[in-house]
Amino acid sequence: MNWIILIVAGLCETGFTYCLGRAKYVTGTEWWLWMSGFLAFTILSMGLLAKATQTLPLGTAYPVWTGIGAVGTVLVGIFIFREPATFWRLFFIATLIASIIGLKTVS
Protein backbone atom coordinates (compact mmCIF):
# COMPACT_ATOMS: atom_id res chain seq x y z
CA MET A 1 0.00 0.00 0.00
CA ASN A 2 2.82 2.45 0.79
CA TRP A 3 4.21 2.03 -2.74
CA ILE A 4 0.85 3.24 -4.07
CA ILE A 5 0.96 6.18 -1.66
CA LEU A 6 4.48 6.96 -2.88
CA ILE A 7 3.41 6.85 -6.54
CA VAL A 8 0.49 9.20 -5.82
CA ALA A 9 2.91 11.51 -3.96
CA GLY A 10 5.16 11.57 -7.04
CA LEU A 11 2.19 12.34 -9.28
CA CYS A 12 1.26 15.19 -6.92
CA GLU A 13 4.79 16.51 -7.40
CA THR A 14 4.09 16.56 -11.13
CA GLY A 15 0.82 18.35 -10.32
CA PHE A 16 2.53 21.14 -8.43
CA THR A 17 5.05 21.70 -11.20
CA TYR A 18 2.19 21.82 -13.73
CA CYS A 19 0.46 24.51 -11.65
CA LEU A 20 3.73 26.42 -11.42
CA GLY A 21 4.14 26.21 -15.19
CA ARG A 22 0.62 27.53 -15.77
CA ALA A 23 1.05 30.33 -13.23
CA LYS A 24 3.95 31.85 -15.12
CA TYR A 25 1.68 32.68 -18.09
CA VAL A 26 -1.10 34.47 -16.19
CA THR A 27 -1.61 37.37 -13.82
CA GLY A 28 -4.11 38.55 -11.25
CA THR A 29 -6.75 36.23 -9.85
CA GLU A 30 -5.85 33.41 -12.21
CA TRP A 31 -2.24 33.52 -10.94
CA TRP A 32 -3.51 33.18 -7.37
CA LEU A 33 -5.67 30.21 -8.35
CA TRP A 34 -2.77 28.36 -10.00
CA MET A 35 -0.54 29.15 -7.03
CA SER A 36 -3.23 27.82 -4.67
CA GLY A 37 -3.18 24.60 -6.69
CA PHE A 38 0.61 24.60 -6.43
CA LEU A 39 0.39 24.93 -2.65
CA ALA A 40 -2.29 22.24 -2.31
CA PHE A 41 -0.35 19.74 -4.45
CA THR A 42 2.86 20.54 -2.57
CA ILE A 43 1.29 19.90 0.82
CA LEU A 44 -0.39 16.72 -0.42
CA SER A 45 2.80 15.46 -2.05
CA MET A 46 4.95 16.08 1.02
CA GLY A 47 2.34 14.59 3.36
CA LEU A 48 2.03 11.43 1.27
CA LEU A 49 5.82 11.14 1.05
CA ALA A 50 6.05 11.39 4.83
CA LYS A 51 3.37 8.70 5.18
CA ALA A 52 5.16 6.38 2.73
CA THR A 53 8.48 6.73 4.54
CA GLN A 54 6.95 5.35 7.73
CA THR A 55 7.46 1.86 6.29
CA LEU A 56 9.64 2.32 3.19
CA PRO A 57 13.35 3.10 3.48
CA LEU A 58 13.96 6.84 3.09
CA GLY A 59 16.94 6.16 0.82
CA THR A 60 14.59 4.41 -1.60
CA ALA A 61 11.37 6.39 -1.16
CA TYR A 62 12.87 9.84 -1.72
CA PRO A 63 14.68 9.04 -4.99
CA VAL A 64 11.61 7.21 -6.33
CA TRP A 65 9.40 10.18 -5.38
CA THR A 66 11.70 12.70 -7.05
CA GLY A 67 12.14 10.42 -10.06
CA ILE A 68 8.39 10.10 -10.60
CA GLY A 69 8.07 13.86 -10.26
CA ALA A 70 10.95 14.49 -12.65
CA VAL A 71 9.69 12.07 -15.31
CA GLY A 72 6.15 13.40 -14.96
CA THR A 73 7.32 16.99 -15.19
CA VAL A 74 9.36 16.34 -18.33
CA LEU A 75 6.40 14.57 -19.93
CA VAL A 76 4.06 17.43 -18.99
CA GLY A 77 6.62 19.84 -20.46
CA ILE A 78 6.75 17.90 -23.71
CA PHE A 79 3.04 17.18 -24.14
CA ILE A 80 1.42 20.26 -22.60
CA PHE A 81 4.00 23.06 -22.68
CA ARG A 82 5.44 21.93 -26.05
CA GLU A 83 9.02 21.68 -24.90
CA PRO A 84 11.41 19.86 -27.26
CA ALA A 85 11.48 16.05 -27.19
CA THR A 86 15.06 15.50 -28.31
CA PHE A 87 16.75 12.11 -28.47
CA TRP A 88 18.98 12.85 -25.46
CA ARG A 89 16.10 14.10 -23.34
CA LEU A 90 14.11 10.95 -24.01
CA PHE A 91 17.21 8.78 -23.50
CA PHE A 92 17.92 10.21 -20.06
CA ILE A 93 14.26 10.02 -19.06
CA ALA A 94 14.37 6.33 -20.01
CA THR A 95 17.45 5.82 -17.82
CA LEU A 96 15.69 7.60 -14.96
CA ILE A 97 12.68 5.30 -15.33
CA ALA A 98 15.00 2.28 -15.35
CA SER A 99 16.63 3.57 -12.14
CA ILE A 100 13.24 3.98 -10.44
CA ILE A 101 12.30 0.42 -11.40
CA GLY A 102 15.70 -0.78 -10.17
CA LEU A 103 15.23 0.89 -6.77
CA LYS A 104 11.78 -0.63 -6.45
CA THR A 105 13.13 -4.05 -7.35
CA VAL A 106 15.91 -4.07 -4.77
CA SER A 107 13.82 -2.63 -1.92
C-alpha atoms as a PDB file:
ATOM      1  CA  MET A   1       0.000   0.000   0.000  1.00  0.00           C
ATOM      2  CA  ASN A   2       2.819   2.445   0.787  1.00  0.00           C
ATOM      3  CA  TRP A   3       4.207   2.032  -2.741  1.00  0.00           C
ATOM      4  CA  ILE A   4       0.852   3.235  -4.074  1.00  0.00           C
ATOM      5  CA  ILE A   5       0.962   6.177  -1.662  1.00  0.00           C
ATOM      6  CA  LEU A   6       4.483   6.957  -2.881  1.00  0.00           C
ATOM      7  CA  ILE A   7       3.407   6.852  -6.542  1.00  0.00           C
ATOM      8  CA  VAL A   8       0.495   9.201  -5.816  1.00  0.00           C
ATOM      9  CA  ALA A   9       2.910  11.507  -3.961  1.00  0.00           C
ATOM     10  CA  GLY A  10       5.162  11.567  -7.041  1.00  0.00           C
ATOM     11  CA  LEU A  11       2.186  12.345  -9.278  1.00  0.00           C
ATOM     12  CA  CYS A  12       1.261  15.194  -6.919  1.00  0.00           C
ATOM     13  CA  GLU A  13       4.788  16.509  -7.403  1.00  0.00           C
ATOM     14  CA  THR A  14       4.088  16.564 -11.126  1.00  0.00           C
ATOM     15  CA  GLY A  15       0.823  18.349 -10.321  1.00  0.00           C
ATOM     16  CA  PHE A  16       2.529  21.143  -8.434  1.00  0.00           C
ATOM     17  CA  THR A  17       5.050  21.704 -11.199  1.00  0.00           C
ATOM     18  CA  TYR A  18       2.189  21.819 -13.733  1.00  0.00           C
ATOM     19  CA  CYS A  19       0.462  24.510 -11.645  1.00  0.00           C
ATOM     20  CA  LEU A  20       3.732  26.424 -11.421  1.00  0.00           C
ATOM     21  CA  GLY A  21       4.138  26.213 -15.192  1.00  0.00           C
ATOM     22  CA  ARG A  22       0.623  27.533 -15.771  1.00  0.00           C
ATOM     23  CA  ALA A  23       1.045  30.327 -13.230  1.00  0.00           C
ATOM     24  CA  LYS A  24       3.955  31.846 -15.124  1.00  0.00           C
ATOM     25  CA  TYR A  25       1.681  32.677 -18.089  1.00  0.00           C
ATOM     26  CA  VAL A  26      -1.104  34.466 -16.190  1.00  0.00           C
ATOM     27  CA  THR A  27      -1.612  37.372 -13.815  1.00  0.00           C
ATOM     28  CA  GLY A  28      -4.115  38.553 -11.246  1.00  0.00           C
ATOM     29  CA  THR A  29      -6.755  36.230  -9.847  1.00  0.00           C
ATOM     30  CA  GLU A  30      -5.848  33.405 -12.214  1.00  0.00           C
ATOM     31  CA  TRP A  31      -2.242  33.515 -10.941  1.00  0.00           C
ATOM     32  CA  TRP A  32      -3.510  33.185  -7.374  1.00  0.00           C
ATOM     33  CA  LEU A  33      -5.671  30.206  -8.348  1.00  0.00           C
ATOM     34  CA  TRP A  34      -2.773  28.364  -9.998  1.00  0.00           C
ATOM     35  CA  MET A  35      -0.540  29.148  -7.025  1.00  0.00           C
ATOM     36  CA  SER A  36      -3.234  27.818  -4.675  1.00  0.00           C
ATOM     37  CA  GLY A  37      -3.184  24.596  -6.690  1.00  0.00           C
ATOM     38  CA  PHE A  38       0.608  24.597  -6.434  1.00  0.00           C
ATOM     39  CA  LEU A  39       0.394  24.934  -2.651  1.00  0.00           C
ATOM     40  CA  ALA A  40      -2.287  22.239  -2.313  1.00  0.00           C
ATOM     41  CA  PHE A  41      -0.347  19.739  -4.455  1.00  0.00           C
ATOM     42  CA  THR A  42       2.862  20.538  -2.573  1.00  0.00           C
ATOM     43  CA  ILE A  43       1.287  19.902   0.822  1.00  0.00           C
ATOM     44  CA  LEU A  44      -0.392  16.716  -0.417  1.00  0.00           C
ATOM     45  CA  SER A  45       2.796  15.461  -2.047  1.00  0.00           C
ATOM     46  CA  MET A  46       4.946  16.079   1.024  1.00  0.00           C
ATOM     47  CA  GLY A  47       2.340  14.590   3.361  1.00  0.00           C
ATOM     48  CA  LEU A  48       2.032  11.431   1.275  1.00  0.00           C
ATOM     49  CA  LEU A  49       5.824  11.144   1.046  1.00  0.00           C
ATOM     50  CA  ALA A  50       6.049  11.386   4.834  1.00  0.00           C
ATOM     51  CA  LYS A  51       3.371   8.699   5.181  1.00  0.00           C
ATOM     52  CA  ALA A  52       5.157   6.379   2.731  1.00  0.00           C
ATOM     53  CA  THR A  53       8.483   6.734   4.543  1.00  0.00           C
ATOM     54  CA  GLN A  54       6.953   5.353   7.727  1.00  0.00           C
ATOM     55  CA  THR A  55       7.461   1.864   6.295  1.00  0.00           C
ATOM     56  CA  LEU A  56       9.638   2.324   3.189  1.00  0.00           C
ATOM     57  CA  PRO A  57      13.353   3.101   3.479  1.00  0.00           C
ATOM     58  CA  LEU A  58      13.958   6.839   3.091  1.00  0.00           C
ATOM     59  CA  GLY A  59      16.937   6.161   0.818  1.00  0.00           C
ATOM     60  CA  THR A  60      14.587   4.405  -1.597  1.00  0.00           C
ATOM     61  CA  ALA A  61      11.372   6.392  -1.165  1.00  0.00           C
ATOM     62  CA  TYR A  62      12.870   9.841  -1.718  1.00  0.00           C
ATOM     63  CA  PRO A  63      14.681   9.039  -4.993  1.00  0.00           C
ATOM     64  CA  VAL A  64      11.612   7.210  -6.327  1.00  0.00           C
ATOM     65  CA  TRP A  65       9.401  10.184  -5.378  1.00  0.00           C
ATOM     66  CA  THR A  66      11.702  12.697  -7.046  1.00  0.00           C
ATOM     67  CA  GLY A  67      12.136  10.417 -10.059  1.00  0.00           C
ATOM     68  CA  ILE A  68       8.388  10.099 -10.596  1.00  0.00           C
ATOM     69  CA  GLY A  69       8.074  13.861 -10.257  1.00  0.00           C
ATOM     70  CA  ALA A  70      10.953  14.488 -12.650  1.00  0.00           C
ATOM     71  CA  VAL A  71       9.687  12.073 -15.307  1.00  0.00           C
ATOM     72  CA  GLY A  72       6.146  13.401 -14.964  1.00  0.00           C
ATOM     73  CA  THR A  73       7.320  16.995 -15.187  1.00  0.00           C
ATOM     74  CA  VAL A  74       9.360  16.339 -18.328  1.00  0.00           C
ATOM     75  CA  LEU A  75       6.397  14.574 -19.928  1.00  0.00           C
ATOM     76  CA  VAL A  76       4.060  17.433 -18.995  1.00  0.00           C
ATOM     77  CA  GLY A  77       6.618  19.835 -20.459  1.00  0.00           C
ATOM     78  CA  ILE A  78       6.748  17.903 -23.712  1.00  0.00           C
ATOM     79  CA  PHE A  79       3.036  17.175 -24.144  1.00  0.00           C
ATOM     80  CA  ILE A  80       1.423  20.264 -22.598  1.00  0.00           C
ATOM     81  CA  PHE A  81       4.005  23.057 -22.682  1.00  0.00           C
ATOM     82  CA  ARG A  82       5.438  21.928 -26.045  1.00  0.00           C
ATOM     83  CA  GLU A  83       9.025  21.678 -24.901  1.00  0.00           C
ATOM     84  CA  PRO A  84      11.406  19.859 -27.256  1.00  0.00           C
ATOM     85  CA  ALA A  85      11.482  16.047 -27.191  1.00  0.00           C
ATOM     86  CA  THR A  86      15.060  15.504 -28.314  1.00  0.00           C
ATOM     87  CA  PHE A  87      16.749  12.115 -28.468  1.00  0.00           C
ATOM     88  CA  TRP A  88      18.977  12.850 -25.465  1.00  0.00           C
ATOM     89  CA  ARG A  89      16.102  14.098 -23.336  1.00  0.00           C
ATOM     90  CA  LEU A  90      14.115  10.948 -24.007  1.00  0.00           C
ATOM     91  CA  PHE A  91      17.215   8.780 -23.503  1.00  0.00           C
ATOM     92  CA  PHE A  92      17.922  10.205 -20.064  1.00  0.00           C
ATOM     93  CA  ILE A  93      14.256  10.022 -19.060  1.00  0.00           C
ATOM     94  CA  ALA A  94      14.367   6.325 -20.007  1.00  0.00           C
ATOM     95  CA  THR A  95      17.452   5.821 -17.823  1.00  0.00           C
ATOM     96  CA  LEU A  96      15.690   7.599 -14.964  1.00  0.00           C
ATOM     97  CA  ILE A  97      12.675   5.296 -15.326  1.00  0.00           C
ATOM     98  CA  ALA A  98      15.005   2.279 -15.348  1.00  0.00           C
ATOM     99  CA  SER A  99      16.633   3.574 -12.139  1.00  0.00           C
ATOM    100  CA  ILE A 100      13.240   3.980 -10.436  1.00  0.00           C
ATOM    101  CA  ILE A 101      12.300   0.421 -11.399  1.00  0.00           C
ATOM    102  CA  GLY A 102      15.697  -0.777 -10.170  1.00  0.00           C
ATOM    103  CA  LEU A 103      15.232   0.890  -6.772  1.00  0.00           C
ATOM    104  CA  LYS A 104      11.775  -0.628  -6.448  1.00  0.00           C
ATOM    105  CA  THR A 105      13.129  -4.049  -7.355  1.00  0.00           C
ATOM    106  CA  VAL A 106      15.913  -4.069  -4.772  1.00  0.00           C
ATOM    107  CA  SER A 107      13.817  -2.631  -1.919  1.00  0.00           C
END
